């Protein structure tokens, strides 16, 4: 391939032993490698001939290191170093021992709402961190989301980053950057003028694909896809997934607006819409809903804000049946917790929430991924929940009252009760 990185040895590159090619793009080739000085496993991103022959592209490669090296976030792939070998530039990065989301989706065509949000929310937190640092990613897509062997998600490849705090002019005026299926339409007009709302758009497009197994704007010629983007011609995700929560459907549709002023103003606002903490704005929401799908958002749903949703959920919790149970589980903060899982015990359970006895305290409002283990065959059920209250115990552990972001499915609840009938009683 003409643009492949000019590596002379199939097995050695400077101080690194190249073990396996794990990525290839127009600007670089990425290898799994071993640092011969330390024995550590790393990923080496080696510049392609195209980069080395173009001064502006070469500077972009250097900028990625200069901006990314100081960054530290559990859901960002760490950039460890930069160098040149035989005049070929390279970056040394943290090695992630799992597939990309793009590879994962080749064997899991659609993800559940829970499974998709468990990946998207940590990536959203990494993006919010970047935006706080005045950095825009500009290339959010499944290929740039890496999954560790334990299922944690990490955002990679800051090659198209825009540093709002820098005077650098690496992006030409009226020059487009990004991947057509995921990039906001303004990136193909003038990539230099974009702001954080282009990452909002791309994150929503990625979630759309994860939930439906389809690209929001279909496939075909580049100009045809761009025209569909510009005219908001896409089917609402709820048309394809009727069981999708209207809040998630509405958030995705708003974020895919061609007009960036109509999108959520920030990644944090998008997350608040995903989790129901923020109400959907009234007015037209882009995307068409098929007649056979669930009804579109009603005016009352659009006006239902965080307080109203909490009140509704509390009412359901009080009115529903709670079951005392002694059930092993594990929990982790979905956002900004380095993926650390904590052992816990579920002490009571209902359709809309549970009480968790955990070894650490989580702040009220924290969003947790709770893994419920079924002893019979090590089957695990995962739920995303929000901490509503926390109380300390005499044993130096914490009782956490948690509300499910999406009510647990009847089949999952029945499976839990069937495997733990002797430990369950109605409250």
Protein backbone atom coordinates (compact mmCIF):
# COMPACT_ATOMS: atom_id res chain seq x y z
CA UNK A 1 0.00 0.00 0.00
CA UNK A 2 1.53 3.34 -1.04
CA UNK A 3 0.64 5.18 2.15
CA UNK A 4 1.64 2.45 4.58
CA UNK A 5 4.28 3.41 7.12
CA UNK A 6 7.81 2.94 5.71
CA UNK A 7 9.01 0.34 8.22
CA UNK A 8 12.17 -1.32 6.96
CA UNK A 9 12.18 -4.28 9.31
CA UNK A 10 9.19 -6.54 9.74
CA UNK A 11 10.06 -7.10 13.39
CA UNK A 12 12.12 -4.18 14.68
CA UNK A 13 11.64 -0.41 14.75
CA UNK A 14 14.19 1.43 16.85
CA UNK A 15 13.80 0.32 20.46
CA UNK A 16 10.57 -1.55 19.71
CA UNK A 17 9.86 -5.08 18.58
CA UNK A 18 6.83 -4.98 16.27
CA UNK A 19 4.57 -7.94 17.03
CA UNK A 20 1.36 -7.40 15.09
CA UNK A 21 -0.27 -4.80 12.87
CA UNK A 22 -3.46 -3.68 14.62
CA UNK A 23 -4.53 -0.62 12.63
CA UNK A 24 -4.03 1.07 9.29
CA UNK A 25 -5.11 4.49 8.07
CA UNK A 26 -4.10 7.13 5.56
CA UNK A 27 -1.80 8.88 8.03
CA UNK A 28 -0.35 6.00 10.03
CA UNK A 29 -0.03 2.31 10.77
CA UNK A 30 -0.45 1.08 14.34
CA UNK A 31 1.44 -1.94 15.68
CA UNK A 32 1.29 -3.91 18.87
CA UNK A 33 4.89 -3.75 20.06
CA UNK A 34 7.22 -4.57 22.92
CA UNK A 35 9.54 -1.92 24.33
CA UNK A 36 12.87 -3.77 24.38
CA UNK A 37 14.17 -1.48 27.12
CA UNK A 38 11.40 -2.19 29.62
CA UNK A 39 9.57 -5.23 28.27
CA UNK A 40 6.29 -3.27 28.37
CA UNK A 41 3.60 -3.91 25.77
CA UNK A 42 2.72 -0.72 23.90
CA UNK A 43 1.07 0.44 20.70
CA UNK A 44 3.28 2.21 18.16
CA UNK A 45 1.68 4.62 15.70
CA UNK A 46 4.10 5.07 12.79
CA UNK A 47 3.65 7.91 10.31
CA UNK A 48 2.90 6.98 6.71
CA UNK A 49 4.86 8.16 3.68
CA UNK A 50 2.04 10.61 2.98
CA UNK A 51 2.63 12.28 6.35
CA UNK A 52 6.41 12.36 6.05
CA UNK A 53 6.21 13.95 2.58
CA UNK A 54 3.76 16.68 3.65
CA UNK A 55 5.07 19.30 6.07
CA UNK A 56 1.60 20.27 7.32
CA UNK A 57 0.54 16.66 7.94
CA UNK A 58 3.84 16.00 9.69
CA UNK A 59 3.22 18.95 12.01
CA UNK A 60 -0.26 17.56 12.78
CA UNK A 61 1.38 14.29 13.85
CA UNK A 62 3.68 16.21 16.20
CA UNK A 63 0.77 18.28 17.54
CA UNK A 64 -1.07 15.12 18.52
CA UNK A 65 1.78 14.26 20.87
CA UNK A 66 2.24 17.79 22.20
CA UNK A 67 -1.43 18.14 23.11
CA UNK A 68 -2.26 14.55 24.07
CA UNK A 69 0.81 13.62 26.15
CA UNK A 70 -0.15 15.74 29.21
CA UNK A 71 -3.74 14.44 29.19
CA UNK A 72 -4.84 11.91 31.79
CA UNK A 73 -8.28 10.34 31.87
CA UNK A 74 -9.24 6.69 32.50
CA UNK A 75 -11.22 6.57 29.27
CA UNK A 76 -8.57 8.13 27.03
CA UNK A 77 -5.80 6.04 25.45
CA UNK A 78 -2.63 7.47 26.99
CA UNK A 79 0.01 8.91 24.65
CA UNK A 80 3.35 7.93 26.21
CA UNK A 81 5.98 9.36 23.91
CA UNK A 82 7.10 10.66 20.53
CA UNK A 83 10.20 10.10 18.45
CA UNK A 84 11.76 9.52 15.04
CA UNK A 85 13.55 6.47 13.68
CA UNK A 86 15.30 6.72 10.31
CA UNK A 87 13.50 10.06 9.84
CA UNK A 88 10.10 8.37 10.35
CA UNK A 89 7.97 9.88 13.12
CA UNK A 90 6.12 7.68 15.61
CA UNK A 91 3.98 7.89 18.72
CA UNK A 92 4.13 5.47 21.63
CA UNK A 93 0.71 4.80 23.16
CA UNK A 94 -0.95 2.69 25.80
CA UNK A 95 -1.79 -0.77 24.44
CA UNK A 96 -5.46 -1.73 24.81
CA UNK A 97 -5.95 -5.50 25.00
CA UNK A 98 -9.27 -5.72 23.23
CA UNK A 99 -11.07 -4.95 19.98
CA UNK A 100 -12.27 -1.64 18.68
CA UNK A 101 -15.98 -0.95 18.89
CA UNK A 102 -16.08 -1.29 15.09
CA UNK A 103 -14.69 -4.82 15.36
CA UNK A 104 -17.05 -5.62 18.23
CA UNK A 105 -20.03 -4.57 16.11
CA UNK A 106 -19.08 -7.04 13.38
CA UNK A 107 -20.03 -9.87 15.76
CA UNK A 108 -22.67 -7.97 17.78
CA UNK A 109 -24.77 -6.23 15.15
CA UNK A 110 -26.94 -4.48 17.72
CA UNK A 111 -26.26 -3.70 21.35
CA UNK A 112 -28.91 -3.38 24.03
CA UNK A 113 -29.66 0.10 25.33
CA UNK A 114 -27.81 -0.77 28.52
CA UNK A 115 -24.81 -2.23 26.68
CA UNK A 116 -24.57 0.74 24.35
CA UNK A 117 -24.82 3.36 27.11
CA UNK A 118 -22.26 1.49 29.23
CA UNK A 119 -19.78 2.18 26.42
CA UNK A 120 -20.99 5.62 25.32
CA UNK A 121 -21.21 7.28 28.76
CA UNK A 122 -17.51 6.77 29.65
CA UNK A 123 -16.51 7.99 26.18
CA UNK A 124 -18.76 11.01 26.72
CA UNK A 125 -16.96 11.72 29.98
CA UNK A 126 -13.60 11.56 28.19
CA UNK A 127 -14.94 14.02 25.60
CA UNK A 128 -16.22 16.36 28.30
CA UNK A 129 -12.70 16.27 29.80
CA UNK A 130 -11.19 17.14 26.40
CA UNK A 131 -13.64 19.98 25.88
CA UNK A 132 -12.75 21.39 29.31
CA UNK A 133 -9.15 21.45 28.05
CA UNK A 134 -10.31 23.33 24.94
CA UNK A 135 -9.70 20.28 22.73
CA UNK A 136 -12.17 18.97 20.14
CA UNK A 137 -11.65 15.42 18.88
CA UNK A 138 -13.34 15.76 15.45
CA UNK A 139 -13.16 12.03 14.59
CA UNK A 140 -15.48 10.15 16.97
CA UNK A 141 -16.39 6.81 15.39
CA UNK A 142 -16.49 3.12 16.39
CA UNK A 143 -12.98 2.49 15.04
CA UNK A 144 -11.59 5.05 17.51
CA UNK A 145 -13.30 3.54 20.56
CA UNK A 146 -11.29 0.67 22.02
CA UNK A 147 -12.61 -1.94 24.43
CA UNK A 148 -10.37 -3.55 27.03
CA UNK A 149 -10.58 -7.25 27.83
CA UNK A 150 -12.62 -6.31 30.92
CA UNK A 151 -15.10 -4.31 28.84
CA UNK A 152 -13.96 -0.77 29.64
CA UNK A 153 -14.08 1.79 26.83
CA UNK A 154 -11.23 4.11 25.82
CA UNK A 155 -11.19 6.87 23.23
CA UNK A 156 -8.23 6.80 20.86
CA UNK A 157 -6.70 8.76 17.99
CA UNK A 158 -6.46 12.50 18.51
CA UNK A 159 -4.97 12.93 15.03
CA UNK A 160 -7.71 15.34 13.95
CA UNK A 161 -7.92 17.22 17.24
CA UNK A 162 -8.55 20.97 17.29
CA UNK A 163 -6.90 22.86 20.12
CA UNK A 164 -9.05 25.93 20.75
CA UNK A 165 -6.40 27.35 23.02
CA UNK A 166 -3.68 27.28 20.36
CA UNK A 167 -2.89 29.76 17.62
CA UNK A 168 -1.84 26.89 15.33
CA UNK A 169 -3.46 27.00 11.87
CA UNK A 170 -2.98 23.40 10.78
CA UNK A 171 -6.46 23.13 9.28
CA UNK A 172 -6.86 25.03 6.04
CA UNK A 173 -9.87 27.33 5.61
CA UNK A 174 -12.75 25.73 3.74
CA UNK A 175 -11.16 22.31 4.27
CA UNK A 176 -13.12 19.28 5.46
CA UNK A 177 -11.99 16.74 8.02
CA UNK A 178 -13.65 13.69 9.53
CA UNK A 179 -15.34 10.41 8.60
CA UNK A 180 -18.43 10.97 6.47
CA UNK A 181 -20.81 8.61 8.27
CA UNK A 182 -20.15 10.12 11.70
CA UNK A 183 -18.85 13.66 11.20
CA UNK A 184 -21.13 16.68 11.54
CA UNK A 185 -21.99 18.37 8.23
CA UNK A 186 -20.15 21.57 9.16
CA UNK A 187 -16.88 19.59 9.19
CA UNK A 188 -17.18 19.24 5.42
CA UNK A 189 -17.76 22.94 4.96
CA UNK A 190 -14.97 24.43 7.05
CA UNK A 191 -13.36 22.11 9.61
CA UNK A 192 -11.47 25.01 11.21
CA UNK A 193 -14.67 26.70 12.37
CA UNK A 194 -16.18 23.75 14.26
CA UNK A 195 -16.77 23.61 18.01
CA UNK A 196 -17.59 20.87 20.55
CA UNK A 197 -21.01 20.29 19.03
CA UNK A 198 -19.37 18.35 16.20
CA UNK A 199 -18.33 15.75 18.81
CA UNK A 200 -21.90 15.76 20.15
CA UNK A 201 -23.10 14.92 16.63
CA UNK A 202 -20.55 12.14 16.05
CA UNK A 203 -21.20 10.55 19.44
CA UNK A 204 -24.93 10.41 18.67
CA UNK A 205 -24.26 8.92 15.23
CA UNK A 206 -22.09 6.26 16.86
CA UNK A 207 -24.79 5.43 19.42
CA UNK A 208 -27.38 5.22 16.63
CA UNK A 209 -25.27 2.57 14.89
CA UNK A 210 -24.71 0.66 18.15
CA UNK A 211 -28.44 0.49 18.89
CA UNK A 212 -29.84 -0.15 15.40
CA UNK A 213 -27.04 -1.85 13.51
CA UNK A 214 -27.50 0.75 10.76
CA UNK A 215 -25.91 4.05 9.80
CA UNK A 216 -28.33 6.94 10.52
CA UNK A 217 -27.93 8.40 7.02
CA UNK A 218 -27.54 5.16 5.11
CA UNK A 219 -24.79 4.25 2.68
CA UNK A 220 -23.98 5.29 -0.87
CA UNK A 221 -22.18 8.12 -2.62
CA UNK A 222 -20.51 10.69 -0.36
CA UNK A 223 -22.54 13.58 -1.73
CA UNK A 224 -25.80 11.65 -1.27
CA UNK A 225 -24.97 10.95 2.38
CA UNK A 226 -24.01 14.59 2.93
CA UNK A 227 -27.28 15.80 1.39
CA UNK A 228 -29.27 13.53 3.72
CA UNK A 229 -27.30 14.97 6.64
CA UNK A 230 -27.97 18.53 5.57
CA UNK A 231 -31.72 17.88 5.28
CA UNK A 232 -32.08 15.75 8.47
CA UNK A 233 -33.24 12.77 6.43
CA UNK A 234 -32.96 9.87 8.85
CA UNK A 235 -35.31 7.50 10.62
CA UNK A 236 -35.70 7.96 14.35
CA UNK A 237 -33.93 5.15 16.21
CA UNK A 238 -37.18 4.32 18.00
CA UNK A 239 -38.62 3.38 14.60
CA UNK A 240 -36.11 0.54 14.51
CA UNK A 241 -35.99 -0.19 18.26
CA UNK A 242 -39.55 0.38 19.62
CA UNK A 243 -38.49 -0.50 23.18
CA UNK A 244 -35.94 2.34 23.24
CA UNK A 245 -36.65 4.94 25.91
CA UNK A 246 -38.10 8.12 24.35
CA UNK A 247 -35.50 10.22 26.16
CA UNK A 248 -32.64 8.35 24.47
CA UNK A 249 -34.41 8.49 21.10
CA UNK A 250 -35.03 12.22 21.45
CA UNK A 251 -31.47 12.95 22.59
CA UNK A 252 -29.97 11.15 19.59
CA UNK A 253 -32.31 12.92 17.18
CA UNK A 254 -31.55 16.36 18.60
CA UNK A 255 -27.82 15.68 18.49
CA UNK A 256 -28.06 14.70 14.80
CA UNK A 257 -29.52 18.07 13.83
CA UNK A 258 -27.84 19.57 10.78
CA UNK A 259 -28.17 22.95 12.50
CA UNK A 260 -25.65 22.85 15.33
CA UNK A 261 -27.59 25.52 17.24
CA UNK A 262 -30.40 22.95 17.61
CA UNK A 263 -28.14 20.30 19.14
CA UNK A 264 -27.41 19.85 22.84
CA UNK A 265 -24.96 22.61 23.66
CA UNK A 266 -22.40 20.30 25.25
CA UNK A 267 -21.50 16.68 25.88
CA UNK A 268 -22.70 17.09 29.48
CA UNK A 269 -26.12 18.19 28.26
CA UNK A 270 -26.28 15.20 25.92
CA UNK A 271 -25.47 12.83 28.81
CA UNK A 272 -28.14 14.48 30.96
CA UNK A 273 -30.66 13.80 28.19
CA UNK A 274 -29.53 10.18 27.85
CA UNK A 275 -29.96 9.54 31.57
CA UNK A 276 -33.19 11.53 32.01
CA UNK A 277 -31.63 14.18 34.23
CA UNK A 278 -32.56 16.91 31.76
CA UNK A 279 -35.82 17.46 29.91
CA UNK A 280 -36.06 17.42 26.14
CA UNK A 281 -36.64 20.84 24.67
CA UNK A 282 -40.06 21.47 23.22
CA UNK A 283 -40.40 21.91 19.48
CA UNK A 284 -39.68 19.82 16.42
CA UNK A 285 -37.15 17.02 16.76
CA UNK A 286 -35.38 15.86 13.58
CA UNK A 287 -35.90 12.37 12.22
CA UNK A 288 -38.99 10.59 10.91
CA UNK A 289 -40.93 7.99 12.89
CA UNK A 290 -42.46 5.11 10.95
CA UNK A 291 -46.15 4.35 11.42
CA UNK A 292 -45.34 0.89 12.78
CA UNK A 293 -42.99 2.23 15.43
CA UNK A 294 -43.71 3.58 18.86
CA UNK A 295 -45.56 6.88 18.94
CA UNK A 296 -43.33 9.96 18.75
CA UNK A 297 -42.66 11.99 21.83
CA UNK A 298 -45.83 13.56 23.13
CA UNK A 299 -45.86 17.15 24.45
CA UNK A 300 -46.09 15.80 27.99
CA UNK A 301 -42.99 13.63 27.43
CA UNK A 302 -41.08 16.58 26.03
CA UNK A 303 -41.94 18.66 29.11
CA UNK A 304 -41.06 15.91 31.56
CA UNK A 305 -37.88 17.20 33.18
CA UNK A 306 -35.57 15.63 35.70
CA UNK A 307 -37.76 16.50 38.70
CA UNK A 308 -40.89 15.13 37.11
CA UNK A 309 -39.11 11.93 36.10
CA UNK A 310 -37.70 11.47 39.57
CA UNK A 311 -41.14 11.99 41.10
CA UNK A 312 -42.67 9.46 38.70
CA UNK A 313 -39.94 6.95 39.42
CA UNK A 314 -40.27 7.36 43.19
CA UNK A 315 -44.00 6.79 42.93
CA UNK A 316 -43.44 3.60 40.94
CA UNK A 317 -40.86 2.43 43.47
CA UNK A 318 -43.18 2.96 46.44
CA UNK A 319 -46.17 1.48 44.67
CA UNK A 320 -44.31 -1.53 43.24
CA UNK A 321 -43.35 -4.69 45.07
CA UNK A 322 -39.91 -4.79 46.66
CA UNK A 323 -38.23 -8.09 47.43
CA UNK A 324 -35.69 -8.69 50.17
CA UNK A 325 -32.84 -10.67 48.68
CA UNK A 326 -29.23 -11.61 49.38
CA UNK A 327 -27.57 -11.44 46.01
CA UNK A 328 -23.93 -11.06 44.97
CA UNK A 329 -23.17 -8.18 42.63
CA UNK A 330 -20.46 -5.80 41.54
CA UNK A 331 -20.68 -2.11 40.78
CA UNK A 332 -18.60 0.58 39.17
CA UNK A 333 -19.07 4.23 38.35
CA UNK A 334 -19.76 4.45 34.63
CA UNK A 335 -18.10 7.84 34.42
CA UNK A 336 -14.49 8.61 35.36
CA UNK A 337 -13.62 5.72 37.66
CA UNK A 338 -10.90 3.87 35.72
CA UNK A 339 -13.23 0.91 35.37
CA UNK A 340 -12.68 -0.28 38.96
CA UNK A 341 -15.41 -2.69 40.05
CA UNK A 342 -16.40 -3.03 43.68
CA UNK A 343 -17.97 -6.15 45.23
CA UNK A 344 -21.45 -5.51 46.62
CA UNK A 345 -24.58 -7.23 47.89
CA UNK A 346 -28.12 -6.47 46.77
CA UNK A 347 -30.37 -6.37 49.83
CA UNK A 348 -33.66 -5.57 48.10
CA UNK A 349 -34.82 -5.40 44.53
CA UNK A 350 -37.78 -4.12 42.53
CA UNK A 351 -38.58 -3.43 38.91
CA UNK A 352 -37.39 0.17 39.20
CA UNK A 353 -34.43 -0.04 41.56
CA UNK A 354 -32.51 -1.76 44.33
CA UNK A 355 -30.67 -1.26 47.57
CA UNK A 356 -26.97 -2.03 47.37
CA UNK A 357 -24.53 -2.76 50.22
CA UNK A 358 -21.14 -1.67 48.89
CA UNK A 359 -17.62 -1.30 50.24
CA UNK A 360 -17.32 2.30 49.10
CA UNK A 361 -19.50 5.38 48.96
CA UNK A 362 -20.74 6.78 45.69
CA UNK A 363 -22.00 10.34 45.57
CA UNK A 364 -25.72 10.96 45.14
CA UNK A 365 -26.39 11.30 41.44
CA UNK A 366 -23.55 8.97 40.42
CA UNK A 367 -24.38 6.66 37.53
CA UNK A 368 -23.41 3.05 38.24
CA UNK A 369 -23.18 -0.08 36.17
CA UNK A 370 -24.41 -2.88 38.43
CA UNK A 371 -23.59 -6.48 37.50
CA UNK A 372 -25.91 -9.03 39.10
CA UNK A 373 -24.41 -12.52 39.25
CA UNK A 374 -26.61 -15.59 39.01
CA UNK A 375 -24.98 -18.55 40.75
CA UNK A 376 -26.48 -21.24 38.57
CA UNK A 377 -24.26 -20.76 35.50
CA UNK A 378 -22.37 -17.53 36.14
CA UNK A 379 -24.89 -15.65 34.02
CA UNK A 380 -24.66 -11.91 34.64
CA UNK A 381 -27.35 -9.27 34.27
CA UNK A 382 -26.22 -5.67 33.88
CA UNK A 383 -28.23 -2.57 34.78
CA UNK A 384 -27.39 1.12 34.74
CA UNK A 385 -28.66 2.93 37.82
CA UNK A 386 -28.47 6.32 39.47
CA UNK A 387 -27.62 6.65 43.17
CA UNK A 388 -30.50 8.43 44.92
CA UNK A 389 -29.23 8.22 48.52
CA UNK A 390 -26.29 6.83 50.51
CA UNK A 391 -26.07 5.84 54.20
CA UNK A 392 -23.10 4.57 56.17
CA UNK A 393 -23.33 1.37 58.24
CA UNK A 394 -21.65 0.25 61.44
CA UNK A 395 -19.54 -2.20 59.43
CA UNK A 396 -17.90 0.68 57.54
CA UNK A 397 -19.73 -0.13 54.32
CA UNK A 398 -22.45 1.85 52.54
CA UNK A 399 -26.10 1.32 51.75
CA UNK A 400 -26.94 2.85 48.37
CA UNK A 401 -30.48 3.42 47.19
CA UNK A 402 -30.35 3.12 43.39
CA UNK A 403 -32.93 3.83 40.71
CA UNK A 404 -32.59 2.04 37.39
CA UNK A 405 -32.18 4.36 34.42
CA UNK A 406 -34.33 1.84 32.56
CA UNK A 407 -36.60 -0.54 34.49
CA UNK A 408 -35.29 -4.09 34.67
CA UNK A 409 -36.84 -6.44 32.12
CA UNK A 410 -39.45 -8.90 33.39
CA UNK A 411 -37.47 -11.82 31.97
CA UNK A 412 -34.34 -10.74 33.86
CA UNK A 413 -36.30 -10.25 37.09
CA UNK A 414 -37.88 -13.68 36.74
CA UNK A 415 -34.47 -15.21 36.08
CA UNK A 416 -33.11 -13.69 39.29
CA UNK A 417 -36.04 -14.89 41.36
CA UNK A 418 -35.95 -18.36 39.81
CA UNK A 419 -32.29 -18.82 40.74
CA UNK A 420 -32.61 -17.27 44.23
CA UNK A 421 -36.12 -18.24 45.33
CA UNK A 422 -34.91 -19.50 48.69
CA UNK A 423 -33.27 -16.15 49.43
CA UNK A 424 -36.17 -13.96 48.35
CA UNK A 425 -39.15 -12.66 50.24
CA UNK A 426 -41.63 -9.90 49.59
CA UNK A 427 -41.30 -6.69 51.60
